[in-house]
Amino acid sequence: MKNWISMWLLGLGLCTSSLYSQSVSLDSFQQVQALNIQTCSVVQVNASWNYQNRVKIEQLDKLCFIAEIDIENKTIGAVIAKEWNITVVPTIIVLKEGKEVKRFEPGISMSFDERTIIEDIKKEVR
């Protein structure tokens, strides 16, 4: 019963967090699992050493739930990288009802043209 209540509260927090115009840093498996309750999510998987190439996906907070995962996180980073087949960072994944519908991966530069990628994501989530 406690776990159900904890998951509900976590889900409620994740649902309302986009109201604050910021992305949520996912750093537990429970938070990642809560993505399944979101109608639409945009998740950026990156590494702290590659922060300069981060896309400001929080611009999309009016359209979808926005979250980020650092693959260097000792708790979940390696598992997420393996489970989600992350081969390059940043990787941006669009999820609808917990299922991946689109993945954006940069080329050898390990960076995106931010304006273009934001527009491409908007097209995907509308």
N, C-alpha and C. Protein backbone atom coordinates (compact mmCIF):
# COMPACT_ATOMS: atom_id res chain seq x y z
N MET A 1 0.82 -1.19 0.00
CA MET A 1 0.00 0.00 0.00
C MET A 1 0.87 1.25 0.00
N LYS A 2 1.96 1.23 0.80
CA LYS A 2 2.85 2.38 0.85
C LYS A 2 3.46 2.67 -0.51
N ASN A 3 3.86 1.61 -1.24
CA ASN A 3 4.46 1.81 -2.56
C ASN A 3 3.48 2.44 -3.53
N TRP A 4 2.21 2.03 -3.47
CA TRP A 4 1.19 2.59 -4.35
C TRP A 4 1.02 4.07 -4.07
N ILE A 5 0.96 4.44 -2.80
CA ILE A 5 0.81 5.85 -2.41
C ILE A 5 2.03 6.64 -2.86
N SER A 6 3.22 6.09 -2.67
CA SER A 6 4.45 6.76 -3.09
C SER A 6 4.46 7.00 -4.59
N MET A 7 4.06 5.99 -5.37
CA MET A 7 4.03 6.13 -6.83
C MET A 7 3.00 7.18 -7.25
N TRP A 8 1.84 7.19 -6.56
CA TRP A 8 0.81 8.17 -6.88
C TRP A 8 1.32 9.58 -6.62
N LEU A 9 1.96 9.79 -5.46
CA LEU A 9 2.49 11.11 -5.13
C LEU A 9 3.59 11.52 -6.11
N LEU A 10 4.45 10.57 -6.46
CA LEU A 10 5.50 10.85 -7.43
C LEU A 10 4.89 11.23 -8.78
N GLY A 11 3.88 10.48 -9.21
CA GLY A 11 3.21 10.79 -10.47
C GLY A 11 2.55 12.15 -10.44
N LEU A 12 1.93 12.48 -9.33
CA LEU A 12 1.30 13.79 -9.18
C LEU A 12 2.35 14.89 -9.27
N GLY A 13 3.48 14.69 -8.62
CA GLY A 13 4.57 15.67 -8.69
C GLY A 13 5.11 15.82 -10.09
N LEU A 14 5.26 14.72 -10.80
CA LEU A 14 5.75 14.78 -12.17
C LEU A 14 4.73 15.44 -13.09
N CYS A 15 3.45 15.21 -12.84
CA CYS A 15 2.41 15.82 -13.68
C CYS A 15 2.37 17.33 -13.51
N THR A 16 2.59 17.81 -12.32
CA THR A 16 2.48 19.25 -12.07
C THR A 16 3.79 19.98 -12.23
N SER A 17 4.90 19.28 -12.33
CA SER A 17 6.19 19.95 -12.39
C SER A 17 6.36 20.80 -13.63
N SER A 18 5.69 20.43 -14.73
CA SER A 18 5.84 21.21 -15.95
C SER A 18 5.20 22.58 -15.83
N LEU A 19 4.38 22.78 -14.80
CA LEU A 19 3.77 24.08 -14.59
C LEU A 19 4.80 25.13 -14.21
N TYR A 20 5.97 24.71 -13.83
CA TYR A 20 7.00 25.62 -13.38
C TYR A 20 8.04 25.91 -14.44
N SER A 21 7.78 25.57 -15.69
CA SER A 21 8.64 25.89 -16.83
C SER A 21 10.08 25.40 -16.66
N GLN A 22 10.23 24.20 -16.21
CA GLN A 22 11.57 23.64 -16.11
C GLN A 22 11.47 22.14 -16.38
N SER A 23 12.59 21.55 -16.67
CA SER A 23 12.59 20.11 -16.86
C SER A 23 12.90 19.43 -15.55
N VAL A 24 12.45 18.21 -15.42
CA VAL A 24 12.67 17.42 -14.22
C VAL A 24 13.86 16.51 -14.47
N SER A 25 14.76 16.46 -13.53
CA SER A 25 15.89 15.54 -13.62
C SER A 25 15.46 14.20 -13.06
N LEU A 26 15.40 13.19 -13.92
CA LEU A 26 15.01 11.86 -13.48
C LEU A 26 16.23 11.15 -12.90
N ASP A 27 16.16 10.82 -11.63
CA ASP A 27 17.31 10.16 -11.03
C ASP A 27 16.92 8.95 -10.18
N SER A 28 15.75 8.38 -10.45
CA SER A 28 15.37 7.12 -9.82
C SER A 28 14.53 6.33 -10.81
N PHE A 29 14.50 5.01 -10.62
CA PHE A 29 13.72 4.17 -11.52
C PHE A 29 12.22 4.44 -11.38
N GLN A 30 11.79 4.82 -10.18
CA GLN A 30 10.39 5.15 -9.97
C GLN A 30 9.99 6.36 -10.82
N GLN A 31 10.86 7.35 -10.91
CA GLN A 31 10.56 8.53 -11.72
C GLN A 31 10.51 8.16 -13.20
N VAL A 32 11.41 7.31 -13.64
CA VAL A 32 11.40 6.87 -15.04
C VAL A 32 10.13 6.09 -15.33
N GLN A 33 9.73 5.20 -14.41
CA GLN A 33 8.50 4.43 -14.59
C GLN A 33 7.27 5.34 -14.65
N ALA A 34 7.31 6.45 -13.94
CA ALA A 34 6.17 7.38 -13.93
C ALA A 34 5.96 8.03 -15.30
N LEU A 35 6.94 7.93 -16.19
CA LEU A 35 6.75 8.45 -17.55
C LEU A 35 5.59 7.73 -18.25
N ASN A 36 5.30 6.51 -17.82
CA ASN A 36 4.22 5.74 -18.43
C ASN A 36 2.84 6.37 -18.22
N ILE A 37 2.70 7.22 -17.20
CA ILE A 37 1.39 7.83 -16.95
C ILE A 37 1.22 9.15 -17.68
N GLN A 38 2.27 9.61 -18.34
CA GLN A 38 2.21 10.87 -19.07
C GLN A 38 1.63 10.64 -20.46
N THR A 39 0.76 11.52 -20.90
CA THR A 39 0.22 11.43 -22.26
C THR A 39 1.34 11.64 -23.27
N CYS A 40 2.20 12.61 -22.98
CA CYS A 40 3.31 12.95 -23.87
C CYS A 40 4.50 13.36 -23.01
N SER A 41 5.68 12.85 -23.34
CA SER A 41 6.90 13.21 -22.63
C SER A 41 8.03 13.42 -23.63
N VAL A 42 8.90 14.36 -23.32
CA VAL A 42 10.13 14.55 -24.08
C VAL A 42 11.26 14.39 -23.07
N VAL A 43 12.14 13.41 -23.32
CA VAL A 43 13.22 13.11 -22.39
C VAL A 43 14.55 13.31 -23.11
N GLN A 44 15.41 14.10 -22.50
CA GLN A 44 16.76 14.30 -23.04
C GLN A 44 17.73 13.49 -22.19
N VAL A 45 18.45 12.59 -22.84
CA VAL A 45 19.47 11.79 -22.17
C VAL A 45 20.81 12.41 -22.54
N ASN A 46 21.55 12.82 -21.54
CA ASN A 46 22.82 13.50 -21.79
C ASN A 46 23.81 13.10 -20.70
N ALA A 47 24.98 13.69 -20.74
CA ALA A 47 25.99 13.47 -19.71
C ALA A 47 26.48 14.83 -19.23
N SER A 48 26.84 14.90 -17.97
CA SER A 48 27.26 16.19 -17.41
C SER A 48 28.47 16.75 -18.17
N TRP A 49 29.34 15.90 -18.69
CA TRP A 49 30.51 16.40 -19.42
C TRP A 49 30.12 16.96 -20.80
N ASN A 50 28.87 16.72 -21.23
CA ASN A 50 28.40 17.20 -22.52
C ASN A 50 27.32 18.27 -22.35
N TYR A 51 27.29 18.92 -21.22
CA TYR A 51 26.24 19.88 -20.91
C TYR A 51 26.15 21.02 -21.92
N GLN A 52 27.28 21.42 -22.48
CA GLN A 52 27.27 22.53 -23.45
C GLN A 52 26.45 22.20 -24.69
N ASN A 53 26.20 20.93 -24.95
CA ASN A 53 25.41 20.53 -26.11
C ASN A 53 23.96 20.20 -25.75
N ARG A 54 23.56 20.53 -24.56
CA ARG A 54 22.19 20.30 -24.10
C ARG A 54 21.22 21.17 -24.89
N VAL A 55 20.08 20.60 -25.26
CA VAL A 55 19.01 21.35 -25.93
C VAL A 55 18.06 21.85 -24.84
N LYS A 56 17.64 23.08 -24.94
CA LYS A 56 16.74 23.66 -23.93
C LYS A 56 15.31 23.20 -24.20
N ILE A 57 15.05 21.93 -23.87
CA ILE A 57 13.75 21.33 -24.16
C ILE A 57 12.64 21.86 -23.25
N GLU A 58 13.00 22.57 -22.21
CA GLU A 58 11.96 23.13 -21.33
C GLU A 58 11.06 24.12 -22.08
N GLN A 59 11.49 24.55 -23.26
CA GLN A 59 10.65 25.39 -24.13
C GLN A 59 9.37 24.67 -24.53
N LEU A 60 9.36 23.36 -24.42
CA LEU A 60 8.23 22.55 -24.86
C LEU A 60 7.27 22.21 -23.71
N ASP A 61 7.46 22.83 -22.56
CA ASP A 61 6.69 22.43 -21.38
C ASP A 61 5.19 22.66 -21.49
N LYS A 62 4.75 23.47 -22.43
CA LYS A 62 3.32 23.67 -22.64
C LYS A 62 2.72 22.52 -23.46
N LEU A 63 3.56 21.77 -24.15
CA LEU A 63 3.09 20.68 -25.01
C LEU A 63 3.19 19.31 -24.35
N CYS A 64 4.25 19.11 -23.57
CA CYS A 64 4.55 17.79 -23.01
C CYS A 64 5.22 17.91 -21.65
N PHE A 65 5.27 16.77 -20.97
CA PHE A 65 6.08 16.67 -19.76
C PHE A 65 7.54 16.62 -20.21
N ILE A 66 8.40 17.38 -19.56
CA ILE A 66 9.80 17.51 -19.96
C ILE A 66 10.69 16.93 -18.86
N ALA A 67 11.64 16.08 -19.26
CA ALA A 67 12.54 15.47 -18.27
C ALA A 67 13.92 15.26 -18.87
N GLU A 68 14.89 15.10 -17.98
CA GLU A 68 16.27 14.85 -18.40
C GLU A 68 16.88 13.73 -17.56
N ILE A 69 17.76 12.97 -18.17
CA ILE A 69 18.49 11.91 -17.49
C ILE A 69 19.96 12.09 -17.77
N ASP A 70 20.76 12.07 -16.72
CA ASP A 70 22.22 12.14 -16.85
C ASP A 70 22.76 10.72 -16.81
N ILE A 71 23.38 10.27 -17.90
CA ILE A 71 23.88 8.89 -17.93
C ILE A 71 25.02 8.66 -16.95
N GLU A 72 25.58 9.72 -16.40
CA GLU A 72 26.62 9.56 -15.41
C GLU A 72 26.06 9.37 -14.00
N ASN A 73 24.74 9.44 -13.86
CA ASN A 73 24.10 9.19 -12.57
C ASN A 73 24.39 7.74 -12.17
N LYS A 74 25.01 7.55 -11.03
CA LYS A 74 25.44 6.22 -10.59
C LYS A 74 24.27 5.27 -10.35
N THR A 75 23.11 5.81 -10.02
CA THR A 75 21.96 4.97 -9.72
C THR A 75 21.31 4.40 -10.97
N ILE A 76 21.05 5.26 -11.96
CA ILE A 76 20.28 4.78 -13.12
C ILE A 76 20.94 4.99 -14.47
N GLY A 77 21.97 5.79 -14.54
CA GLY A 77 22.56 6.18 -15.82
C GLY A 77 22.94 5.03 -16.72
N ALA A 78 23.73 4.10 -16.23
CA ALA A 78 24.19 2.98 -17.06
C ALA A 78 23.04 2.08 -17.48
N VAL A 79 22.10 1.87 -16.58
CA VAL A 79 20.96 1.01 -16.90
C VAL A 79 20.10 1.65 -18.00
N ILE A 80 19.81 2.94 -17.86
CA ILE A 80 19.02 3.64 -18.87
C ILE A 80 19.74 3.63 -20.22
N ALA A 81 21.04 3.90 -20.19
CA ALA A 81 21.81 3.91 -21.45
C ALA A 81 21.70 2.56 -22.15
N LYS A 82 21.77 1.48 -21.40
CA LYS A 82 21.68 0.15 -21.99
C LYS A 82 20.24 -0.19 -22.41
N GLU A 83 19.29 0.02 -21.51
CA GLU A 83 17.89 -0.33 -21.79
C GLU A 83 17.32 0.48 -22.95
N TRP A 84 17.68 1.75 -23.02
CA TRP A 84 17.13 2.61 -24.07
C TRP A 84 18.05 2.69 -25.29
N ASN A 85 19.13 1.90 -25.29
CA ASN A 85 20.08 1.84 -26.40
C ASN A 85 20.60 3.23 -26.78
N ILE A 86 21.11 3.94 -25.78
CA ILE A 86 21.68 5.27 -25.99
C ILE A 86 23.11 5.09 -26.48
N THR A 87 23.39 5.55 -27.69
CA THR A 87 24.72 5.39 -28.27
C THR A 87 25.47 6.71 -28.38
N VAL A 88 24.74 7.82 -28.28
CA VAL A 88 25.35 9.14 -28.39
C VAL A 88 24.53 10.10 -27.51
N VAL A 89 25.21 11.07 -26.94
CA VAL A 89 24.50 12.08 -26.14
C VAL A 89 24.73 13.45 -26.75
N PRO A 90 23.77 14.33 -26.70
CA PRO A 90 22.45 14.08 -26.14
C PRO A 90 21.57 13.30 -27.11
N THR A 91 20.70 12.48 -26.56
CA THR A 91 19.65 11.82 -27.33
C THR A 91 18.34 12.32 -26.76
N ILE A 92 17.42 12.69 -27.63
CA ILE A 92 16.12 13.18 -27.20
C ILE A 92 15.08 12.18 -27.67
N ILE A 93 14.25 11.74 -26.73
CA ILE A 93 13.25 10.72 -27.01
C ILE A 93 11.87 11.30 -26.73
N VAL A 94 10.96 11.13 -27.69
CA VAL A 94 9.57 11.53 -27.51
C VAL A 94 8.78 10.27 -27.18
N LEU A 95 8.05 10.34 -26.08
CA LEU A 95 7.22 9.22 -25.62
C LEU A 95 5.76 9.65 -25.62
N LYS A 96 4.91 8.77 -26.06
CA LYS A 96 3.47 8.99 -25.94
C LYS A 96 2.91 7.80 -25.18
N GLU A 97 2.30 8.13 -24.04
CA GLU A 97 1.77 7.11 -23.13
C GLU A 97 2.82 6.05 -22.80
N GLY A 98 4.04 6.51 -22.58
CA GLY A 98 5.13 5.63 -22.17
C GLY A 98 5.84 4.89 -23.28
N LYS A 99 5.41 5.04 -24.51
CA LYS A 99 6.04 4.33 -25.63
C LYS A 99 6.80 5.31 -26.51
N GLU A 100 8.02 4.90 -26.89
CA GLU A 100 8.83 5.75 -27.75
C GLU A 100 8.20 5.86 -29.13
N VAL A 101 8.03 7.11 -29.58
CA VAL A 101 7.48 7.34 -30.92
C VAL A 101 8.49 8.01 -31.84
N LYS A 102 9.49 8.65 -31.26
CA LYS A 102 10.52 9.31 -32.08
C LYS A 102 11.77 9.48 -31.26
N ARG A 103 12.90 9.35 -31.93
CA ARG A 103 14.21 9.53 -31.29
C ARG A 103 15.04 10.46 -32.15
N PHE A 104 15.69 11.41 -31.48
CA PHE A 104 16.58 12.35 -32.17
C PHE A 104 17.99 12.13 -31.63
N GLU A 105 18.91 11.83 -32.55
CA GLU A 105 20.31 11.62 -32.18
C GLU A 105 21.18 12.54 -33.03
N PRO A 106 22.15 13.22 -32.41
CA PRO A 106 23.01 14.11 -33.18
C PRO A 106 24.05 13.33 -33.97
N GLY A 107 24.68 14.02 -34.88
CA GLY A 107 25.77 13.42 -35.64
C GLY A 107 27.06 13.41 -34.83
N ILE A 108 28.15 13.36 -35.51
CA ILE A 108 29.46 13.26 -34.87
C ILE A 108 29.79 14.47 -33.99
N SER A 109 29.16 15.59 -34.24
CA SER A 109 29.42 16.80 -33.45
C SER A 109 28.85 16.70 -32.03
N MET A 110 27.97 15.71 -31.81
CA MET A 110 27.31 15.53 -30.52
C MET A 110 26.51 16.76 -30.11
N SER A 111 25.97 17.45 -31.10
CA SER A 111 25.13 18.62 -30.81
C SER A 111 24.04 18.74 -31.88
N PHE A 112 22.99 19.46 -31.53
CA PHE A 112 21.88 19.71 -32.44
C PHE A 112 21.84 21.19 -32.77
N ASP A 113 21.21 21.52 -33.90
CA ASP A 113 20.81 22.89 -34.14
C ASP A 113 19.51 23.04 -33.33
N GLU A 114 19.58 23.81 -32.26
CA GLU A 114 18.48 23.85 -31.30
C GLU A 114 17.15 24.26 -31.92
N ARG A 115 17.16 25.28 -32.73
CA ARG A 115 15.90 25.76 -33.33
C ARG A 115 15.26 24.65 -34.18
N THR A 116 16.06 23.97 -34.98
CA THR A 116 15.55 22.91 -35.84
C THR A 116 15.00 21.75 -35.03
N ILE A 117 15.74 21.33 -34.03
CA ILE A 117 15.31 20.17 -33.25
C ILE A 117 14.04 20.47 -32.46
N ILE A 118 13.91 21.68 -31.93
CA ILE A 118 12.69 22.07 -31.20
C ILE A 118 11.50 22.05 -32.15
N GLU A 119 11.67 22.56 -33.35
CA GLU A 119 10.58 22.54 -34.33
C GLU A 119 10.21 21.11 -34.73
N ASP A 120 11.21 20.25 -34.90
CA ASP A 120 10.95 18.85 -35.25
C ASP A 120 10.19 18.14 -34.12
N ILE A 121 10.56 18.42 -32.89
CA ILE A 121 9.86 17.80 -31.75
C ILE A 121 8.43 18.32 -31.69
N LYS A 122 8.23 19.62 -31.90
CA LYS A 122 6.87 20.18 -31.88
C LYS A 122 5.98 19.49 -32.92
N LYS A 123 6.52 19.25 -34.10
CA LYS A 123 5.75 18.56 -35.15
C LYS A 123 5.36 17.16 -34.70
N GLU A 124 6.28 16.51 -33.99
CA GLU A 124 6.05 15.14 -33.55
C GLU A 124 4.99 15.05 -32.45
N VAL A 125 4.96 16.02 -31.56
CA VAL A 125 4.04 15.91 -30.41
C VAL A 125 2.65 16.50 -30.69
N ARG A 126 2.51 17.24 -31.75
CA ARG A 126 1.18 17.82 -32.06
C ARG A 126 0.29 16.86 -32.75
